[in-house]
């Protein structure tokens, strides 16, 4: 008789039952994001989405993928997980709307050492909320439980989105010319970039606690730093219906200095008036607390501008007025001038 102890997958650290319970818990969240084109429920091998090609003369798919980065470290420290999913969606859908694309669907990848269904549901709540804000369906995803790969209580997130734009409406910046104006749309804070430097300054150099409320902020430092990335999709799609938006840049890692040139033709530069918008207090705390050079601030953080638009000068006031009506704070921050290479010049 063999008395050798039996070993299960659960003994090795992977709980299939917990995974199944998690899937059942998130089904109502996924359902809230559905669109008429979605043909399958969550749980299949792949998500089916019927492209309504009648809406487009030459439909062109646009895809993007991204993560949340070290902002997750703050979620771990504060044990607050219901907003990082919004960041995940935002970083992807904001990237494709700059080309004029409407996000259609989103998929997520959640990896952790030991699955906590309750914590994972909080994460998916944020993802579903981000999808609702962007108007896209949460079509599916993957949850990977990998013992030994992550520290206790930690996880990583990645996201993927696909959108569509009519080929003749793709925004590629090629129409940008001398005299066009640059509008900046306000960010909600740090969004999801520069957090390695922010943690070093606030937690190591300044020795602050995430539960502290510095006098310059109207909430705790942790609440400020976990503020979700703003999703600009619906506002920009609204503008595209009525205005001549020649170029759009999502201001993420690299800041204004590296992202705005990505939408400029080689013969143009953007001259940006550095004092044309009010910088949120969190950025001034970073600059002074870490003695960060201004150029470093402009290329590490969004510095208060989450998205830029290049428009003809005669449309500036109307575009800013429309954005205000959609509760977006916008500023005229610069203009386009001739140049040998696409670049940003701060004045």
C-alpha atoms as a PDB file:
ATOM      1  CA  UNK A   1       0.000   0.000   0.000  1.00  0.00           C
ATOM      2  CA  UNK A   2       1.319   3.402  -0.984  1.00  0.00           C
ATOM      3  CA  UNK A   3       1.059   5.852   1.941  1.00  0.00           C
ATOM      4  CA  UNK A   4       2.882   8.617   0.126  1.00  0.00           C
ATOM      5  CA  UNK A   5       1.257  12.005   0.715  1.00  0.00           C
ATOM      6  CA  UNK A   6      -0.717  13.389  -2.214  1.00  0.00           C
ATOM      7  CA  UNK A   7      -0.076  16.948  -3.352  1.00  0.00           C
ATOM      8  CA  UNK A   8      -2.614  19.194  -5.098  1.00  0.00           C
ATOM      9  CA  UNK A   9      -2.259  22.362  -7.167  1.00  0.00           C
ATOM     10  CA  UNK A  10      -3.642  24.237  -4.155  1.00  0.00           C
ATOM     11  CA  UNK A  11      -0.809  22.853  -2.024  1.00  0.00           C
ATOM     12  CA  UNK A  12       1.587  24.420  -4.553  1.00  0.00           C
ATOM     13  CA  UNK A  13      -0.083  27.806  -4.075  1.00  0.00           C
ATOM     14  CA  UNK A  14      -2.649  27.953  -6.892  1.00  0.00           C
ATOM     15  CA  UNK A  15      -6.305  27.925  -5.808  1.00  0.00           C
ATOM     16  CA  UNK A  16      -8.507  27.115  -8.820  1.00  0.00           C
ATOM     17  CA  UNK A  17     -11.666  27.456  -6.720  1.00  0.00           C
ATOM     18  CA  UNK A  18     -10.685  30.991  -5.704  1.00  0.00           C
ATOM     19  CA  UNK A  19     -10.141  31.826  -9.361  1.00  0.00           C
ATOM     20  CA  UNK A  20     -13.577  30.539 -10.288  1.00  0.00           C
ATOM     21  CA  UNK A  21     -15.164  32.497  -7.456  1.00  0.00           C
ATOM     22  CA  UNK A  22     -13.402  35.638  -8.659  1.00  0.00           C
ATOM     23  CA  UNK A  23     -14.776  35.201 -12.194  1.00  0.00           C
ATOM     24  CA  UNK A  24     -18.316  34.882 -10.849  1.00  0.00           C
ATOM     25  CA  UNK A  25     -17.876  37.977  -8.679  1.00  0.00           C
ATOM     26  CA  UNK A  26     -16.769  40.194 -11.566  1.00  0.00           C
ATOM     27  CA  UNK A  27     -19.438  39.150 -14.082  1.00  0.00           C
ATOM     28  CA  UNK A  28     -21.821  41.997 -13.034  1.00  0.00           C
ATOM     29  CA  UNK A  29     -18.968  44.511 -13.339  1.00  0.00           C
ATOM     30  CA  UNK A  30     -18.106  43.334 -16.832  1.00  0.00           C
ATOM     31  CA  UNK A  31     -21.759  43.420 -17.873  1.00  0.00           C
ATOM     32  CA  UNK A  32     -21.968  47.125 -16.974  1.00  0.00           C
ATOM     33  CA  UNK A  33     -19.404  47.932 -19.680  1.00  0.00           C
ATOM     34  CA  UNK A  34     -20.988  45.992 -22.534  1.00  0.00           C
ATOM     35  CA  UNK A  35     -21.679  47.419 -25.995  1.00  0.00           C
ATOM     36  CA  UNK A  36     -24.114  46.124 -28.666  1.00  0.00           C
ATOM     37  CA  UNK A  37     -21.167  44.709 -30.634  1.00  0.00           C
ATOM     38  CA  UNK A  38     -20.143  42.326 -27.819  1.00  0.00           C
ATOM     39  CA  UNK A  39     -21.205  38.774 -28.703  1.00  0.00           C
ATOM     40  CA  UNK A  40     -19.879  36.754 -25.754  1.00  0.00           C
ATOM     41  CA  UNK A  41     -19.996  36.698 -21.982  1.00  0.00           C
ATOM     42  CA  UNK A  42     -16.821  36.623 -19.923  1.00  0.00           C
ATOM     43  CA  UNK A  43     -15.363  33.170 -19.389  1.00  0.00           C
ATOM     44  CA  UNK A  44     -14.800  32.005 -22.940  1.00  0.00           C
ATOM     45  CA  UNK A  45     -11.442  31.329 -24.534  1.00  0.00           C
ATOM     46  CA  UNK A  46     -11.712  34.576 -26.469  1.00  0.00           C
ATOM     47  CA  UNK A  47     -13.999  37.581 -26.550  1.00  0.00           C
ATOM     48  CA  UNK A  48     -16.075  38.135 -29.681  1.00  0.00           C
ATOM     49  CA  UNK A  49     -16.729  41.663 -30.918  1.00  0.00           C
ATOM     50  CA  UNK A  50     -18.605  42.419 -34.142  1.00  0.00           C
ATOM     51  CA  UNK A  51     -17.164  45.435 -35.925  1.00  0.00           C
ATOM     52  CA  UNK A  52     -19.960  47.601 -37.310  1.00  0.00           C
ATOM     53  CA  UNK A  53     -18.208  48.365 -40.575  1.00  0.00           C
ATOM     54  CA  UNK A  54     -21.261  50.219 -41.917  1.00  0.00           C
ATOM     55  CA  UNK A  55     -20.245  53.199 -39.766  1.00  0.00           C
ATOM     56  CA  UNK A  56     -16.922  53.535 -41.584  1.00  0.00           C
ATOM     57  CA  UNK A  57     -15.864  53.841 -45.207  1.00  0.00           C
ATOM     58  CA  UNK A  58     -12.412  52.413 -44.488  1.00  0.00           C
ATOM     59  CA  UNK A  59     -12.302  51.211 -40.860  1.00  0.00           C
ATOM     60  CA  UNK A  60      -8.794  51.178 -39.416  1.00  0.00           C
ATOM     61  CA  UNK A  61      -8.071  49.428 -36.124  1.00  0.00           C
ATOM     62  CA  UNK A  62      -5.798  51.127 -33.596  1.00  0.00           C
ATOM     63  CA  UNK A  63      -4.339  49.179 -30.654  1.00  0.00           C
ATOM     64  CA  UNK A  64      -2.348  50.046 -27.548  1.00  0.00           C
ATOM     65  CA  UNK A  65      -1.039  48.339 -24.430  1.00  0.00           C
ATOM     66  CA  UNK A  66       0.315  49.710 -21.156  1.00  0.00           C
ATOM     67  CA  UNK A  67       0.503  49.207 -17.411  1.00  0.00           C
ATOM     68  CA  UNK A  68       0.238  51.270 -14.227  1.00  0.00           C
ATOM     69  CA  UNK A  69       3.892  51.198 -13.186  1.00  0.00           C
ATOM     70  CA  UNK A  70       5.174  51.860  -9.689  1.00  0.00           C
ATOM     71  CA  UNK A  71       1.998  53.712  -8.751  1.00  0.00           C
ATOM     72  CA  UNK A  72       0.928  50.214  -7.716  1.00  0.00           C
ATOM     73  CA  UNK A  73       3.418  50.404  -4.835  1.00  0.00           C
ATOM     74  CA  UNK A  74       1.268  53.109  -3.255  1.00  0.00           C
ATOM     75  CA  UNK A  75      -1.861  51.005  -3.680  1.00  0.00           C
ATOM     76  CA  UNK A  76      -0.069  48.192  -1.833  1.00  0.00           C
ATOM     77  CA  UNK A  77       1.069  50.521   0.952  1.00  0.00           C
ATOM     78  CA  UNK A  78      -2.402  52.008   1.442  1.00  0.00           C
ATOM     79  CA  UNK A  79      -4.247  48.734   0.736  1.00  0.00           C
ATOM     80  CA  UNK A  80      -6.492  50.633  -1.678  1.00  0.00           C
ATOM     81  CA  UNK A  81      -7.080  48.914  -4.991  1.00  0.00           C
ATOM     82  CA  UNK A  82     -10.263  50.344  -6.527  1.00  0.00           C
ATOM     83  CA  UNK A  83      -8.666  53.143  -8.584  1.00  0.00           C
ATOM     84  CA  UNK A  84      -5.558  51.668 -10.231  1.00  0.00           C
ATOM     85  CA  UNK A  85      -7.807  49.932 -12.746  1.00  0.00           C
ATOM     86  CA  UNK A  86      -8.935  53.358 -13.967  1.00  0.00           C
ATOM     87  CA  UNK A  87      -5.268  54.246 -14.496  1.00  0.00           C
ATOM     88  CA  UNK A  88      -4.782  51.044 -16.450  1.00  0.00           C
ATOM     89  CA  UNK A  89      -7.599  51.813 -18.868  1.00  0.00           C
ATOM     90  CA  UNK A  90      -6.644  55.480 -19.130  1.00  0.00           C
ATOM     91  CA  UNK A  91      -3.070  54.824 -20.173  1.00  0.00           C
ATOM     92  CA  UNK A  92      -4.289  52.710 -23.100  1.00  0.00           C
ATOM     93  CA  UNK A  93      -7.393  54.529 -24.334  1.00  0.00           C
ATOM     94  CA  UNK A  94      -5.812  57.979 -24.094  1.00  0.00           C
ATOM     95  CA  UNK A  95      -3.047  56.692 -26.364  1.00  0.00           C
ATOM     96  CA  UNK A  96      -5.379  55.669 -29.178  1.00  0.00           C
ATOM     97  CA  UNK A  97      -7.796  58.594 -29.060  1.00  0.00           C
ATOM     98  CA  UNK A  98      -4.891  60.868 -30.061  1.00  0.00           C
ATOM     99  CA  UNK A  99      -5.133  59.292 -33.510  1.00  0.00           C
ATOM    100  CA  UNK A 100      -8.861  59.901 -33.618  1.00  0.00           C
ATOM    101  CA  UNK A 101      -9.827  56.353 -32.661  1.00  0.00           C
ATOM    102  CA  UNK A 102     -12.881  55.403 -30.626  1.00  0.00           C
ATOM    103  CA  UNK A 103     -11.946  52.673 -28.112  1.00  0.00           C
ATOM    104  CA  UNK A 104     -14.059  49.581 -28.738  1.00  0.00           C
ATOM    105  CA  UNK A 105     -12.940  47.042 -26.179  1.00  0.00           C
ATOM    106  CA  UNK A 106     -10.397  46.443 -23.443  1.00  0.00           C
ATOM    107  CA  UNK A 107      -8.679  43.389 -21.964  1.00  0.00           C
ATOM    108  CA  UNK A 108      -6.700  43.206 -18.735  1.00  0.00           C
ATOM    109  CA  UNK A 109      -3.967  40.974 -17.330  1.00  0.00           C
ATOM    110  CA  UNK A 110      -3.680  40.636 -13.553  1.00  0.00           C
ATOM    111  CA  UNK A 111      -0.765  38.655 -12.156  1.00  0.00           C
ATOM    112  CA  UNK A 112      -0.244  37.918  -8.467  1.00  0.00           C
ATOM    113  CA  UNK A 113       1.494  35.452  -6.193  1.00  0.00           C
ATOM    114  CA  UNK A 114      -1.660  34.457  -4.313  1.00  0.00           C
ATOM    115  CA  UNK A 115      -5.105  35.413  -5.554  1.00  0.00           C
ATOM    116  CA  UNK A 116      -7.382  37.261  -3.155  1.00  0.00           C
ATOM    117  CA  UNK A 117     -10.775  37.302  -4.913  1.00  0.00           C
ATOM    118  CA  UNK A 118     -11.962  40.245  -2.806  1.00  0.00           C
ATOM    119  CA  UNK A 119      -8.911  42.374  -3.624  1.00  0.00           C
ATOM    120  CA  UNK A 120      -9.061  41.360  -7.281  1.00  0.00           C
ATOM    121  CA  UNK A 121     -12.699  42.431  -7.460  1.00  0.00           C
ATOM    122  CA  UNK A 122     -11.690  45.890  -6.207  1.00  0.00           C
ATOM    123  CA  UNK A 123      -9.118  46.084  -9.000  1.00  0.00           C
ATOM    124  CA  UNK A 124     -11.678  45.076 -11.629  1.00  0.00           C
ATOM    125  CA  UNK A 125     -14.136  47.643 -10.249  1.00  0.00           C
ATOM    126  CA  UNK A 126     -11.635  50.287 -11.280  1.00  0.00           C
ATOM    127  CA  UNK A 127     -11.087  48.694 -14.684  1.00  0.00           C
ATOM    128  CA  UNK A 128     -14.838  48.584 -15.299  1.00  0.00           C
ATOM    129  CA  UNK A 129     -15.189  52.211 -14.228  1.00  0.00           C
ATOM    130  CA  UNK A 130     -12.399  53.196 -16.618  1.00  0.00           C
ATOM    131  CA  UNK A 131     -14.111  51.336 -19.447  1.00  0.00           C
ATOM    132  CA  UNK A 132     -17.387  53.128 -18.698  1.00  0.00           C
ATOM    133  CA  UNK A 133     -15.618  56.491 -18.787  1.00  0.00           C
ATOM    134  CA  UNK A 134     -14.029  55.585 -22.127  1.00  0.00           C
ATOM    135  CA  UNK A 135     -17.178  54.028 -23.581  1.00  0.00           C
ATOM    136  CA  UNK A 136     -15.483  50.710 -24.350  1.00  0.00           C
ATOM    137  CA  UNK A 137     -16.401  47.155 -23.393  1.00  0.00           C
ATOM    138  CA  UNK A 138     -14.396  45.071 -20.940  1.00  0.00           C
ATOM    139  CA  UNK A 139     -14.267  42.121 -23.306  1.00  0.00           C
ATOM    140  CA  UNK A 140     -12.134  39.735 -21.266  1.00  0.00           C
ATOM    141  CA  UNK A 141      -8.902  39.283 -19.396  1.00  0.00           C
ATOM    142  CA  UNK A 142      -6.531  36.922 -17.663  1.00  0.00           C
ATOM    143  CA  UNK A 143      -5.814  36.397 -13.987  1.00  0.00           C
ATOM    144  CA  UNK A 144      -2.569  34.551 -13.303  1.00  0.00           C
ATOM    145  CA  UNK A 145      -1.783  33.145  -9.856  1.00  0.00           C
ATOM    146  CA  UNK A 146       1.976  32.530  -9.754  1.00  0.00           C
ATOM    147  CA  UNK A 147       3.383  31.563  -6.340  1.00  0.00           C
ATOM    148  CA  UNK A 148       6.874  32.841  -5.712  1.00  0.00           C
ATOM    149  CA  UNK A 149       6.799  35.461  -8.462  1.00  0.00           C
ATOM    150  CA  UNK A 150       5.475  38.360  -6.383  1.00  0.00           C
ATOM    151  CA  UNK A 151       5.825  39.523  -2.795  1.00  0.00           C
ATOM    152  CA  UNK A 152       2.875  38.858  -0.482  1.00  0.00           C
ATOM    153  CA  UNK A 153      -0.018  41.180  -1.270  1.00  0.00           C
ATOM    154  CA  UNK A 154       1.516  42.484  -4.481  1.00  0.00           C
ATOM    155  CA  UNK A 155       0.416  42.163  -8.089  1.00  0.00           C
ATOM    156  CA  UNK A 156       1.013  43.616 -11.519  1.00  0.00           C
ATOM    157  CA  UNK A 157      -1.423  44.909 -14.107  1.00  0.00           C
ATOM    158  CA  UNK A 158      -1.304  45.253 -17.865  1.00  0.00           C
ATOM    159  CA  UNK A 159      -4.023  46.347 -20.254  1.00  0.00           C
ATOM    160  CA  UNK A 160      -4.790  46.211 -23.944  1.00  0.00           C
ATOM    161  CA  UNK A 161      -7.295  48.186 -26.002  1.00  0.00           C
ATOM    162  CA  UNK A 162      -8.463  48.178 -29.603  1.00  0.00           C
ATOM    163  CA  UNK A 163     -10.252  51.087 -31.254  1.00  0.00           C
ATOM    164  CA  UNK A 164     -11.374  52.121 -34.707  1.00  0.00           C
ATOM    165  CA  UNK A 165     -11.091  55.235 -36.854  1.00  0.00           C
ATOM    166  CA  UNK A 166     -12.067  55.912 -40.445  1.00  0.00           C
ATOM    167  CA  UNK A 167      -8.891  55.903 -42.503  1.00  0.00           C
ATOM    168  CA  UNK A 168      -9.486  59.404 -43.863  1.00  0.00           C
ATOM    169  CA  UNK A 169      -9.986  60.744 -40.330  1.00  0.00           C
ATOM    170  CA  UNK A 170      -6.742  59.471 -38.796  1.00  0.00           C
ATOM    171  CA  UNK A 171      -4.979  62.279 -36.930  1.00  0.00           C
ATOM    172  CA  UNK A 172      -1.275  62.100 -37.700  1.00  0.00           C
ATOM    173  CA  UNK A 173      -0.153  65.726 -37.345  1.00  0.00           C
ATOM    174  CA  UNK A 174       0.714  66.081 -41.032  1.00  0.00           C
ATOM    175  CA  UNK A 175      -1.615  69.077 -41.449  1.00  0.00           C
ATOM    176  CA  UNK A 176       0.059  71.076 -38.660  1.00  0.00           C
ATOM    177  CA  UNK A 177       1.620  74.298 -39.890  1.00  0.00           C
ATOM    178  CA  UNK A 178       3.031  77.641 -38.768  1.00  0.00           C
ATOM    179  CA  UNK A 179       0.591  79.707 -36.740  1.00  0.00           C
ATOM    180  CA  UNK A 180      -1.415  76.804 -35.325  1.00  0.00           C
ATOM    181  CA  UNK A 181      -2.007  77.002 -31.598  1.00  0.00           C
ATOM    182  CA  UNK A 182      -1.365  74.510 -28.799  1.00  0.00           C
ATOM    183  CA  UNK A 183      -4.078  73.927 -26.211  1.00  0.00           C
ATOM    184  CA  UNK A 184      -3.297  72.046 -23.017  1.00  0.00           C
ATOM    185  CA  UNK A 185      -5.982  70.117 -21.138  1.00  0.00           C
ATOM    186  CA  UNK A 186      -5.430  69.878 -17.396  1.00  0.00           C
ATOM    187  CA  UNK A 187      -4.374  66.611 -15.807  1.00  0.00           C
ATOM    188  CA  UNK A 188      -5.888  65.264 -12.590  1.00  0.00           C
ATOM    189  CA  UNK A 189      -2.445  65.037 -10.990  1.00  0.00           C
ATOM    190  CA  UNK A 190       0.559  62.827 -11.648  1.00  0.00           C
ATOM    191  CA  UNK A 191      -1.580  60.373 -13.637  1.00  0.00           C
ATOM    192  CA  UNK A 192       0.641  57.252 -13.934  1.00  0.00           C
ATOM    193  CA  UNK A 193       4.128  58.568 -14.626  1.00  0.00           C
ATOM    194  CA  UNK A 194       7.084  59.633 -12.521  1.00  0.00           C
ATOM    195  CA  UNK A 195       6.121  57.647  -9.440  1.00  0.00           C
ATOM    196  CA  UNK A 196       9.586  56.225  -8.835  1.00  0.00           C
ATOM    197  CA  UNK A 197      10.899  59.772  -8.458  1.00  0.00           C
ATOM    198  CA  UNK A 198       7.815  60.881  -6.501  1.00  0.00           C
ATOM    199  CA  UNK A 199       8.206  58.050  -3.986  1.00  0.00           C
ATOM    200  CA  UNK A 200      11.904  58.817  -3.587  1.00  0.00           C
ATOM    201  CA  UNK A 201      11.214  62.501  -2.912  1.00  0.00           C
ATOM    202  CA  UNK A 202       8.174  62.195  -0.661  1.00  0.00           C
ATOM    203  CA  UNK A 203       8.968  59.018   1.262  1.00  0.00           C
ATOM    204  CA  UNK A 204      12.781  59.029   1.368  1.00  0.00           C
ATOM    205  CA  UNK A 205      13.945  62.641   1.045  1.00  0.00           C
ATOM    206  CA  UNK A 206      11.043  64.417   2.781  1.00  0.00           C
ATOM    207  CA  UNK A 207      10.201  61.489   5.104  1.00  0.00           C
ATOM    208  CA  UNK A 208       6.464  62.059   4.648  1.00  0.00           C
ATOM    209  CA  UNK A 209       3.757  59.569   5.537  1.00  0.00           C
ATOM    210  CA  UNK A 210       1.091  58.755   2.946  1.00  0.00           C
ATOM    211  CA  UNK A 211      -1.573  59.470   5.568  1.00  0.00           C
ATOM    212  CA  UNK A 212      -0.182  62.958   6.214  1.00  0.00           C
ATOM    213  CA  UNK A 213      -2.041  65.974   4.855  1.00  0.00           C
ATOM    214  CA  UNK A 214       0.537  68.578   3.845  1.00  0.00           C
ATOM    215  CA  UNK A 215      -0.643  72.178   4.155  1.00  0.00           C
ATOM    216  CA  UNK A 216      -0.512  72.646   0.375  1.00  0.00           C
ATOM    217  CA  UNK A 217      -2.997  69.822  -0.253  1.00  0.00           C
ATOM    218  CA  UNK A 218      -6.699  69.537   0.544  1.00  0.00           C
ATOM    219  CA  UNK A 219      -6.413  65.786   1.160  1.00  0.00           C
ATOM    220  CA  UNK A 220      -3.823  63.278   2.334  1.00  0.00           C
ATOM    221  CA  UNK A 221      -0.684  62.690   0.337  1.00  0.00           C
ATOM    222  CA  UNK A 222      -1.766  59.126  -0.381  1.00  0.00           C
ATOM    223  CA  UNK A 223      -5.171  60.224  -1.687  1.00  0.00           C
ATOM    224  CA  UNK A 224      -3.507  62.792  -3.915  1.00  0.00           C
ATOM    225  CA  UNK A 225      -1.008  60.328  -5.338  1.00  0.00           C
ATOM    226  CA  UNK A 226      -3.667  57.678  -6.005  1.00  0.00           C
ATOM    227  CA  UNK A 227      -5.919  60.128  -7.886  1.00  0.00           C
ATOM    228  CA  UNK A 228      -6.810  58.246 -11.088  1.00  0.00           C
ATOM    229  CA  UNK A 229      -5.509  59.269 -14.491  1.00  0.00           C
ATOM    230  CA  UNK A 230      -8.041  61.414 -16.320  1.00  0.00           C
ATOM    231  CA  UNK A 231      -9.687  59.744 -19.302  1.00  0.00           C
ATOM    232  CA  UNK A 232     -10.126  62.245 -22.142  1.00  0.00           C
ATOM    233  CA  UNK A 233     -11.783  59.988 -24.706  1.00  0.00           C
ATOM    234  CA  UNK A 234     -15.341  61.306 -24.713  1.00  0.00           C
ATOM    235  CA  UNK A 235     -14.234  64.947 -24.632  1.00  0.00           C
ATOM    236  CA  UNK A 236     -11.862  64.522 -27.555  1.00  0.00           C
ATOM    237  CA  UNK A 237     -14.292  62.479 -29.652  1.00  0.00           C
ATOM    238  CA  UNK A 238     -16.808  65.271 -29.099  1.00  0.00           C
ATOM    239  CA  UNK A 239     -14.303  67.886 -30.349  1.00  0.00           C
ATOM    240  CA  UNK A 240     -13.439  65.826 -33.420  1.00  0.00           C
ATOM    241  CA  UNK A 241     -17.027  66.021 -34.640  1.00  0.00           C
ATOM    242  CA  UNK A 242     -16.989  69.813 -34.934  1.00  0.00           C
ATOM    243  CA  UNK A 243     -13.433  71.146 -34.973  1.00  0.00           C
ATOM    244  CA  UNK A 244     -10.292  70.851 -37.049  1.00  0.00           C
ATOM    245  CA  UNK A 245      -8.028  69.121 -34.538  1.00  0.00           C
ATOM    246  CA  UNK A 246      -4.728  68.761 -36.402  1.00  0.00           C
ATOM    247  CA  UNK A 247      -2.651  66.962 -33.781  1.00  0.00           C
ATOM    248  CA  UNK A 248      -3.082  65.442 -30.324  1.00  0.00           C
ATOM    249  CA  UNK A 249      -0.482  64.260 -27.819  1.00  0.00           C
ATOM    250  CA  UNK A 250      -1.042  62.260 -24.645  1.00  0.00           C
ATOM    251  CA  UNK A 251       1.399  63.653 -22.081  1.00  0.00           C
ATOM    252  CA  UNK A 252       2.787  60.590 -20.313  1.00  0.00           C
ATOM    253  CA  UNK A 253       6.351  59.459 -19.553  1.00  0.00           C
ATOM    254  CA  UNK A 254       8.705  62.002 -21.104  1.00  0.00           C
ATOM    255  CA  UNK A 255       6.339  64.874 -20.357  1.00  0.00           C
ATOM    256  CA  UNK A 256       5.641  67.722 -22.747  1.00  0.00           C
ATOM    257  CA  UNK A 257       9.218  67.757 -23.988  1.00  0.00           C
ATOM    258  CA  UNK A 258       9.108  64.268 -25.472  1.00  0.00           C
ATOM    259  CA  UNK A 259       5.424  63.590 -26.163  1.00  0.00           C
ATOM    260  CA  UNK A 260       4.279  66.739 -27.944  1.00  0.00           C
ATOM    261  CA  UNK A 261       6.926  66.357 -30.721  1.00  0.00           C
ATOM    262  CA  UNK A 262       5.478  62.908 -31.487  1.00  0.00           C
ATOM    263  CA  UNK A 263       2.490  64.579 -33.172  1.00  0.00           C
ATOM    264  CA  UNK A 264       4.476  67.299 -34.995  1.00  0.00           C
ATOM    265  CA  UNK A 265       5.760  67.168 -38.569  1.00  0.00           C
ATOM    266  CA  UNK A 266       9.549  67.506 -38.902  1.00  0.00           C
ATOM    267  CA  UNK A 267       9.363  71.100 -40.141  1.00  0.00           C
ATOM    268  CA  UNK A 268       7.586  72.438 -37.031  1.00  0.00           C
ATOM    269  CA  UNK A 269       8.346  73.150 -33.400  1.00  0.00           C
ATOM    270  CA  UNK A 270       6.027  73.944 -30.521  1.00  0.00           C
ATOM    271  CA  UNK A 271       6.923  77.046 -28.519  1.00  0.00           C
ATOM    272  CA  UNK A 272       5.369  76.567 -25.090  1.00  0.00           C
ATOM    273  CA  UNK A 273       4.841  79.380 -22.578  1.00  0.00           C
ATOM    274  CA  UNK A 274       5.858  77.636 -19.371  1.00  0.00           C
ATOM    275  CA  UNK A 275       3.776  79.934 -17.134  1.00  0.00           C
ATOM    276  CA  UNK A 276       0.570  79.809 -19.175  1.00  0.00           C
ATOM    277  CA  UNK A 277      -1.173  77.390 -16.829  1.00  0.00           C
ATOM    278  CA  UNK A 278      -1.320  76.941 -13.074  1.00  0.00           C
ATOM    279  CA  UNK A 279       0.714  73.966 -11.885  1.00  0.00           C
ATOM    280  CA  UNK A 280      -1.126  71.808  -9.310  1.00  0.00           C
ATOM    281  CA  UNK A 281       0.345  71.983  -5.819  1.00  0.00           C
ATOM    282  CA  UNK A 282       1.629  68.402  -5.900  1.00  0.00           C
ATOM    283  CA  UNK A 283       4.138  69.322  -8.613  1.00  0.00           C
ATOM    284  CA  UNK A 284       5.489  72.289  -6.692  1.00  0.00           C
ATOM    285  CA  UNK A 285       5.921  70.030  -3.663  1.00  0.00           C
ATOM    286  CA  UNK A 286       7.936  67.632  -5.810  1.00  0.00           C
ATOM    287  CA  UNK A 287      10.063  70.373  -7.343  1.00  0.00           C
ATOM    288  CA  UNK A 288      10.965  72.056  -4.068  1.00  0.00           C
ATOM    289  CA  UNK A 289      11.081  68.904  -1.932  1.00  0.00           C
ATOM    290  CA  UNK A 290      13.507  67.168  -4.275  1.00  0.00           C
ATOM    291  CA  UNK A 291      15.246  70.279  -5.629  1.00  0.00           C
ATOM    292  CA  UNK A 292      14.277  68.993  -9.087  1.00  0.00           C
ATOM    293  CA  UNK A 293      15.465  71.107 -12.048  1.00  0.00           C
ATOM    294  CA  UNK A 294      12.626  72.564 -14.099  1.00  0.00           C
ATOM    295  CA  UNK A 295      13.677  70.707 -17.242  1.00  0.00           C
ATOM    296  CA  UNK A 296      13.545  67.446 -15.301  1.00  0.00           C
ATOM    297  CA  UNK A 297      10.037  68.324 -14.121  1.00  0.00           C
ATOM    298  CA  UNK A 298       8.929  68.895 -17.708  1.00  0.00           C
ATOM    299  CA  UNK A 299      10.306  65.599 -18.990  1.00  0.00           C
ATOM    300  CA  UNK A 300       9.445  63.333 -16.025  1.00  0.00           C
ATOM    301  CA  UNK A 301       5.938  64.524 -15.130  1.00  0.00           C
ATOM    302  CA  UNK A 302       2.959  65.850 -17.083  1.00  0.00           C
ATOM    303  CA  UNK A 303       3.339  69.012 -14.947  1.00  0.00           C
ATOM    304  CA  UNK A 304      -0.398  69.643 -14.958  1.00  0.00           C
ATOM    305  CA  UNK A 305      -1.121  69.044 -18.656  1.00  0.00           C
ATOM    306  CA  UNK A 306      -2.492  65.608 -19.516  1.00  0.00           C
ATOM    307  CA  UNK A 307      -3.293  66.121 -23.184  1.00  0.00           C
ATOM    308  CA  UNK A 308      -2.409  68.688 -25.850  1.00  0.00           C
ATOM    309  CA  UNK A 309      -4.307  69.699 -28.985  1.00  0.00           C
ATOM    310  CA  UNK A 310      -2.956  71.542 -32.013  1.00  0.00           C
ATOM    311  CA  UNK A 311      -5.708  73.631 -33.644  1.00  0.00           C
ATOM    312  CA  UNK A 312      -6.024  76.543 -36.089  1.00  0.00           C
ATOM    313  CA  UNK A 313      -5.767  79.898 -34.305  1.00  0.00           C
ATOM    314  CA  UNK A 314      -9.339  80.869 -35.237  1.00  0.00           C
ATOM    315  CA  UNK A 315     -10.770  77.845 -33.389  1.00  0.00           C
ATOM    316  CA  UNK A 316      -8.923  78.257 -30.089  1.00  0.00           C
ATOM    317  CA  UNK A 317     -11.638  80.093 -28.152  1.00  0.00           C
ATOM    318  CA  UNK A 318     -14.401  77.791 -29.346  1.00  0.00           C
ATOM    319  CA  UNK A 319     -12.414  74.644 -28.516  1.00  0.00           C
ATOM    320  CA  UNK A 320     -11.549  75.889 -25.030  1.00  0.00           C
ATOM    321  CA  UNK A 321     -15.185  76.901 -24.502  1.00  0.00           C
ATOM    322  CA  UNK A 322     -16.432  73.474 -25.599  1.00  0.00           C
ATOM    323  CA  UNK A 323     -13.958  71.780 -23.257  1.00  0.00           C
ATOM    324  CA  UNK A 324     -15.143  73.960 -20.364  1.00  0.00           C
ATOM    325  CA  UNK A 325     -18.693  72.843 -21.113  1.00  0.00           C
ATOM    326  CA  UNK A 326     -17.511  69.252 -20.728  1.00  0.00           C
ATOM    327  CA  UNK A 327     -15.856  70.121 -17.377  1.00  0.00           C
ATOM    328  CA  UNK A 328     -12.338  70.053 -18.804  1.00  0.00           C
ATOM    329  CA  UNK A 329      -9.980  72.852 -17.793  1.00  0.00           C
ATOM    330  CA  UNK A 330      -7.995  73.957 -20.816  1.00  0.00           C
ATOM    331  CA  UNK A 331      -5.384  76.609 -21.552  1.00  0.00           C
ATOM    332  CA  UNK A 332      -3.753  78.183 -24.577  1.00  0.00           C
ATOM    333  CA  UNK A 333      -0.151  77.188 -23.883  1.00  0.00           C
ATOM    334  CA  UNK A 334       1.784  77.749 -27.095  1.00  0.00           C
ATOM    335  CA  UNK A 335       2.040  78.018 -30.842  1.00  0.00           C
ATOM    336  CA  UNK A 336       3.627  76.268 -33.800  1.00  0.00           C
ATOM    337  CA  UNK A 337       6.600  77.839 -35.597  1.00  0.00           C
ATOM    338  CA  UNK A 338       8.886  76.665 -38.403  1.00  0.00           C
ATOM    339  CA  UNK A 339      11.901  74.564 -37.402  1.00  0.00           C
ATOM    340  CA  UNK A 340      14.454  72.123 -38.744  1.00  0.00           C
ATOM    341  CA  UNK A 341      13.259  69.380 -36.395  1.00  0.00           C
ATOM    342  CA  UNK A 342      10.133  68.624 -34.387  1.00  0.00           C
ATOM    343  CA  UNK A 343      10.782  69.797 -30.832  1.00  0.00           C
ATOM    344  CA  UNK A 344       9.371  71.691 -27.874  1.00  0.00           C
ATOM    345  CA  UNK A 345      10.899  75.005 -26.856  1.00  0.00           C
ATOM    346  CA  UNK A 346      10.016  76.422 -23.436  1.00  0.00           C
ATOM    347  CA  UNK A 347       9.859  80.198 -23.086  1.00  0.00           C
END
